């Protein structure tokens, strides 16, 4: 029987951090054009990267 290499793909990575200070999400979105804030949908920031293609919440 021929031996084959497994195909591995990372689909989701989860981590969290406590910066222990107040954060103004609206100011961050004004400063960085690739960051979005939609508090009615999600209580955090969306950062879209093109290379590598990913979405960071």
C-alpha atoms as a PDB file:
ATOM      1  CA  UNK A   1       0.000   0.000   0.000  1.00  0.00           C
ATOM      2  CA  UNK A   2       1.534   3.405  -0.963  1.00  0.00           C
ATOM      3  CA  UNK A   3       2.181   5.843   1.847  1.00  0.00           C
ATOM      4  CA  UNK A   4       0.659   9.340   1.499  1.00  0.00           C
ATOM      5  CA  UNK A   5       1.240  12.551   3.420  1.00  0.00           C
ATOM      6  CA  UNK A   6      -1.723  13.933   5.346  1.00  0.00           C
ATOM      7  CA  UNK A   7      -3.173  17.235   4.140  1.00  0.00           C
ATOM      8  CA  UNK A   8      -3.172  19.720   7.021  1.00  0.00           C
ATOM      9  CA  UNK A   9      -5.090  22.988   6.935  1.00  0.00           C
ATOM     10  CA  UNK A  10      -5.484  25.496   9.786  1.00  0.00           C
ATOM     11  CA  UNK A  11      -9.062  26.803   9.690  1.00  0.00           C
ATOM     12  CA  UNK A  12      -9.529  28.543  13.026  1.00  0.00           C
ATOM     13  CA  UNK A  13      -7.206  29.800  15.770  1.00  0.00           C
ATOM     14  CA  UNK A  14      -8.582  31.282  19.002  1.00  0.00           C
ATOM     15  CA  UNK A  15      -6.773  33.419  21.556  1.00  0.00           C
ATOM     16  CA  UNK A  16      -7.612  36.222  23.965  1.00  0.00           C
ATOM     17  CA  UNK A  17      -5.803  39.036  25.756  1.00  0.00           C
ATOM     18  CA  UNK A  18      -6.564  41.439  28.587  1.00  0.00           C
ATOM     19  CA  UNK A  19      -4.887  44.828  27.977  1.00  0.00           C
ATOM     20  CA  UNK A  20      -6.065  46.026  31.404  1.00  0.00           C
ATOM     21  CA  UNK A  21      -7.045  49.509  30.180  1.00  0.00           C
ATOM     22  CA  UNK A  22      -9.961  51.293  28.539  1.00  0.00           C
ATOM     23  CA  UNK A  23      -9.952  51.021  24.745  1.00  0.00           C
ATOM     24  CA  UNK A  24     -11.705  53.487  22.413  1.00  0.00           C
ATOM     25  CA  UNK A  25     -12.765  51.312  19.467  1.00  0.00           C
ATOM     26  CA  UNK A  26     -14.088  54.315  17.524  1.00  0.00           C
ATOM     27  CA  UNK A  27     -10.684  56.034  17.762  1.00  0.00           C
ATOM     28  CA  UNK A  28      -8.960  52.853  16.573  1.00  0.00           C
ATOM     29  CA  UNK A  29     -11.231  52.658  13.504  1.00  0.00           C
ATOM     30  CA  UNK A  30     -10.480  56.319  12.695  1.00  0.00           C
ATOM     31  CA  UNK A  31      -6.730  55.671  12.985  1.00  0.00           C
ATOM     32  CA  UNK A  32      -6.512  52.382  11.043  1.00  0.00           C
ATOM     33  CA  UNK A  33      -8.386  52.130   7.730  1.00  0.00           C
ATOM     34  CA  UNK A  34      -8.419  48.306   7.682  1.00  0.00           C
ATOM     35  CA  UNK A  35     -10.214  48.004  11.052  1.00  0.00           C
ATOM     36  CA  UNK A  36     -14.018  47.943  11.330  1.00  0.00           C
ATOM     37  CA  UNK A  37     -16.281  48.353  14.360  1.00  0.00           C
ATOM     38  CA  UNK A  38     -19.980  47.442  14.248  1.00  0.00           C
ATOM     39  CA  UNK A  39     -21.149  47.296  17.887  1.00  0.00           C
ATOM     40  CA  UNK A  40     -24.685  46.268  16.879  1.00  0.00           C
ATOM     41  CA  UNK A  41     -23.235  43.069  15.321  1.00  0.00           C
ATOM     42  CA  UNK A  42     -20.226  42.288  17.529  1.00  0.00           C
ATOM     43  CA  UNK A  43     -18.660  43.918  20.593  1.00  0.00           C
ATOM     44  CA  UNK A  44     -15.131  43.833  19.170  1.00  0.00           C
ATOM     45  CA  UNK A  45     -13.074  45.001  16.203  1.00  0.00           C
ATOM     46  CA  UNK A  46     -12.741  43.386  12.775  1.00  0.00           C
ATOM     47  CA  UNK A  47      -9.298  43.552  11.163  1.00  0.00           C
ATOM     48  CA  UNK A  48      -9.107  42.217   7.594  1.00  0.00           C
ATOM     49  CA  UNK A  49      -5.694  41.276   6.219  1.00  0.00           C
ATOM     50  CA  UNK A  50      -5.018  40.598   2.540  1.00  0.00           C
ATOM     51  CA  UNK A  51      -1.692  38.776   2.780  1.00  0.00           C
ATOM     52  CA  UNK A  52      -2.060  36.321   4.332  1.00  0.00           C
ATOM     53  CA  UNK A  53      -5.810  36.460   3.792  1.00  0.00           C
ATOM     54  CA  UNK A  54      -7.462  36.411   7.199  1.00  0.00           C
ATOM     55  CA  UNK A  55      -9.992  38.082   9.439  1.00  0.00           C
ATOM     56  CA  UNK A  56      -9.027  38.905  13.026  1.00  0.00           C
ATOM     57  CA  UNK A  57     -11.798  39.624  15.540  1.00  0.00           C
END
